[in-house]
Amino acid sequence: MKTKKFSLKSARFKRPSLDQKGFTLIEALVALFILVLCIVLLNVVTTQYKTIRKQTFEDRQLEWHMFLNQFEYSLEGLVLVNTKPNELQFKLLDDKGQFKEMIYYEKYENLVRRRTGAGGHQPMLMKVKSINFVEKKSFLEITVTFSNQETYHAQLGIEHNAAGIQDE
């Protein structure tokens, strides 16, 4: 049996040949730089996402308050006739107290709109998931849930169908 002698010296101090694969210091630094860049960009993206989310919330809140102001302003001269969970019916009266036309506030697809009996509509709130109108004595409760799950609630004073108003 032949034994092969293995030289320890030649295995330990052998120079690597140029065709061997491996990372150089520059390649390792470039890879580290790319990793750090990705982490920084991820941090920027999450910060921007939080800012956009906050801005979206403020837009819904602003839209809600604008709706309430516009709704309350348009109630002058209107008399509540009928209340349903998704719809309000009002009579618009002229200066003499005579019936002029019907006004409806209702949920239509993903918005709340103001519609007249003559036709046409005006969007009042956008991206609405649900709305609930509840009439209680001398005020009206409105609860709106937007598609982003934010819910707002308001109570407004209303004028009921008074005596002497001519029906249609």
Protein backbone atom coordinates (compact mmCIF):
# COMPACT_ATOMS: atom_id res chain seq x y z
CA MET A 1 0.00 0.00 0.00
CA LYS A 2 1.38 3.31 -1.03
CA THR A 3 1.02 6.22 1.24
CA LYS A 4 0.81 9.64 -0.11
CA LYS A 5 2.70 12.27 1.72
CA PHE A 6 0.90 15.44 2.34
CA SER A 7 2.96 18.50 2.82
CA LEU A 8 1.52 20.79 5.46
CA LYS A 9 3.61 23.67 4.31
CA SER A 10 2.32 23.62 0.77
CA ALA A 11 -1.37 23.56 1.82
CA ARG A 12 -1.09 26.35 4.35
CA PHE A 13 0.86 28.92 2.44
CA LYS A 14 -0.41 28.32 -1.03
CA ARG A 15 -1.27 31.50 -2.91
CA PRO A 16 -4.85 31.76 -4.16
CA SER A 17 -5.11 31.61 -7.89
CA LEU A 18 -6.76 34.43 -9.81
CA ASP A 19 -9.68 32.29 -10.93
CA GLN A 20 -11.04 31.77 -7.38
CA LYS A 21 -14.41 33.39 -6.58
CA GLY A 22 -14.98 35.57 -3.53
CA PHE A 23 -15.82 39.06 -2.34
CA THR A 24 -13.26 41.77 -2.38
CA LEU A 25 -13.36 44.57 0.14
CA ILE A 26 -14.85 46.95 -2.43
CA GLU A 27 -17.62 44.50 -3.31
CA ALA A 28 -18.45 44.03 0.37
CA LEU A 29 -18.61 47.81 0.90
CA VAL A 30 -20.89 48.24 -2.12
CA ALA A 31 -23.22 45.52 -0.80
CA LEU A 32 -23.24 47.17 2.64
CA PHE A 33 -24.00 50.56 1.06
CA ILE A 34 -26.94 49.08 -0.87
CA LEU A 35 -28.30 47.49 2.32
CA VAL A 36 -28.06 50.77 4.25
CA LEU A 37 -29.71 52.63 1.36
CA CYS A 38 -32.63 50.16 1.35
CA ILE A 39 -33.13 50.58 5.10
CA VAL A 40 -33.11 54.38 4.82
CA LEU A 41 -35.60 54.28 1.93
CA LEU A 42 -37.86 51.95 3.90
CA ASN A 43 -37.81 54.41 6.79
CA VAL A 44 -38.70 57.31 4.46
CA VAL A 45 -41.56 55.33 2.90
CA THR A 46 -43.09 54.46 6.29
CA THR A 47 -42.83 58.09 7.41
CA GLN A 48 -44.54 59.26 4.21
CA TYR A 49 -47.25 56.62 4.64
CA LYS A 50 -48.01 57.92 8.13
CA THR A 51 -48.18 61.48 6.81
CA ILE A 52 -50.51 60.51 3.98
CA ARG A 53 -52.72 58.54 6.36
CA LYS A 54 -52.92 61.53 8.71
CA GLN A 55 -53.74 63.86 5.81
CA THR A 56 -56.50 61.51 4.64
CA PHE A 57 -58.04 61.60 8.11
CA GLU A 58 -57.94 65.38 8.18
CA ASP A 59 -59.57 65.55 4.73
CA ARG A 60 -62.52 63.42 5.90
CA GLN A 61 -62.86 65.57 8.99
CA LEU A 62 -62.76 68.76 6.93
CA GLU A 63 -65.30 67.37 4.47
CA TRP A 64 -67.59 66.39 7.36
CA HIS A 65 -67.53 69.88 8.86
CA MET A 66 -68.10 71.49 5.46
CA PHE A 67 -71.09 69.17 4.95
CA LEU A 68 -72.56 70.14 8.32
CA ASN A 69 -72.14 73.87 7.63
CA GLN A 70 -73.68 73.57 4.18
CA PHE A 71 -76.47 71.31 5.41
CA GLU A 72 -77.35 73.61 8.29
CA TYR A 73 -77.32 76.66 5.99
CA SER A 74 -79.59 74.95 3.45
CA LEU A 75 -82.14 74.01 6.15
CA GLU A 76 -83.44 77.60 6.19
CA GLY A 77 -86.81 77.62 4.49
CA LEU A 78 -87.07 73.83 4.52
CA VAL A 79 -89.62 71.87 6.51
CA LEU A 80 -88.91 68.24 7.38
CA VAL A 81 -91.59 65.95 5.98
CA ASN A 82 -90.23 62.42 6.33
CA THR A 83 -87.19 60.72 7.83
CA LYS A 84 -85.82 57.35 6.74
CA PRO A 85 -82.48 55.84 7.87
CA ASN A 86 -80.83 56.68 4.51
CA GLU A 87 -83.01 59.59 3.35
CA LEU A 88 -84.50 62.90 4.46
CA GLN A 89 -87.43 64.57 2.68
CA PHE A 90 -88.01 68.29 2.99
CA LYS A 91 -90.49 70.74 1.54
CA LEU A 92 -89.09 73.98 0.19
CA LEU A 93 -91.45 76.88 0.80
CA ASP A 94 -91.60 80.24 -0.90
CA ASP A 95 -91.82 83.60 0.92
CA LYS A 96 -95.58 83.23 1.39
CA GLY A 97 -95.26 79.78 2.95
CA GLN A 98 -96.54 77.99 -0.14
CA PHE A 99 -95.09 74.69 -1.32
CA LYS A 100 -92.41 75.19 -3.97
CA GLU A 101 -90.63 71.81 -4.40
CA MET A 102 -89.37 68.70 -2.59
CA ILE A 103 -85.73 68.42 -1.48
CA TYR A 104 -84.13 65.04 -0.68
CA TYR A 105 -80.91 64.24 1.16
CA GLU A 106 -80.01 60.62 0.52
CA LYS A 107 -77.23 58.08 0.24
CA TYR A 108 -76.55 57.22 -3.38
CA GLU A 109 -73.83 54.65 -4.11
CA ASN A 110 -70.79 55.89 -2.12
CA LEU A 111 -71.92 59.48 -1.61
CA VAL A 112 -74.56 61.55 0.12
CA ARG A 113 -76.38 63.81 -2.29
CA ARG A 114 -78.94 66.61 -2.27
CA ARG A 115 -81.61 66.01 -4.88
CA THR A 116 -84.58 68.14 -5.93
CA GLY A 117 -87.96 66.90 -7.10
CA ALA A 118 -87.35 68.66 -10.42
CA GLY A 119 -84.26 66.53 -11.12
CA GLY A 120 -80.53 66.85 -10.75
CA HIS A 121 -78.39 66.27 -7.71
CA GLN A 122 -75.51 67.80 -5.80
CA PRO A 123 -72.93 65.57 -4.08
CA MET A 124 -72.54 66.58 -0.43
CA LEU A 125 -70.24 63.88 1.03
CA MET A 126 -67.92 61.51 -0.79
CA LYS A 127 -66.59 58.02 0.10
CA VAL A 128 -69.49 57.26 2.44
CA LYS A 129 -70.00 53.69 3.59
CA SER A 130 -73.20 54.32 5.55
CA ILE A 131 -75.36 57.14 6.85
CA ASN A 132 -78.14 57.12 9.40
CA PHE A 133 -80.70 59.88 9.92
CA VAL A 134 -82.75 59.76 13.13
CA GLU A 135 -85.45 62.32 13.95
CA LYS A 136 -85.88 63.13 17.64
CA LYS A 137 -88.36 65.79 18.80
CA SER A 138 -86.77 69.10 17.72
CA PHE A 139 -83.49 67.85 16.34
CA LEU A 140 -82.03 65.51 13.78
CA GLU A 141 -79.19 63.08 14.50
CA ILE A 142 -76.83 62.27 11.64
CA THR A 143 -74.26 59.47 11.87
CA VAL A 144 -71.89 58.92 8.95
CA THR A 145 -69.32 56.16 8.49
CA PHE A 146 -66.79 56.76 5.73
CA SER A 147 -65.17 54.01 3.68
CA ASN A 148 -61.97 54.31 5.78
CA GLN A 149 -64.05 53.33 8.86
CA GLU A 150 -64.09 56.83 10.41
CA THR A 151 -67.44 57.66 12.00
CA TYR A 152 -68.83 61.13 12.69
CA HIS A 153 -71.97 62.13 14.57
CA ALA A 154 -73.93 65.41 14.72
CA GLN A 155 -77.20 66.81 16.04
CA LEU A 156 -78.96 69.66 14.27
CA GLY A 157 -82.11 71.57 15.14
CA ILE A 158 -84.95 71.20 12.61
CA GLU A 159 -88.34 72.73 11.84
CA HIS A 160 -91.21 70.26 11.68
CA ASN A 161 -94.23 70.36 9.42
CA ALA A 162 -96.13 73.34 10.86
CA ALA A 163 -99.86 73.97 10.77
CA GLY A 164 -101.07 76.06 7.87
CA ILE A 165 -98.54 74.72 5.36
CA GLN A 166 -100.34 73.51 2.30
CA ASP A 167 -99.63 69.91 1.34
CA GLU A 168 -99.01 68.96 -2.26
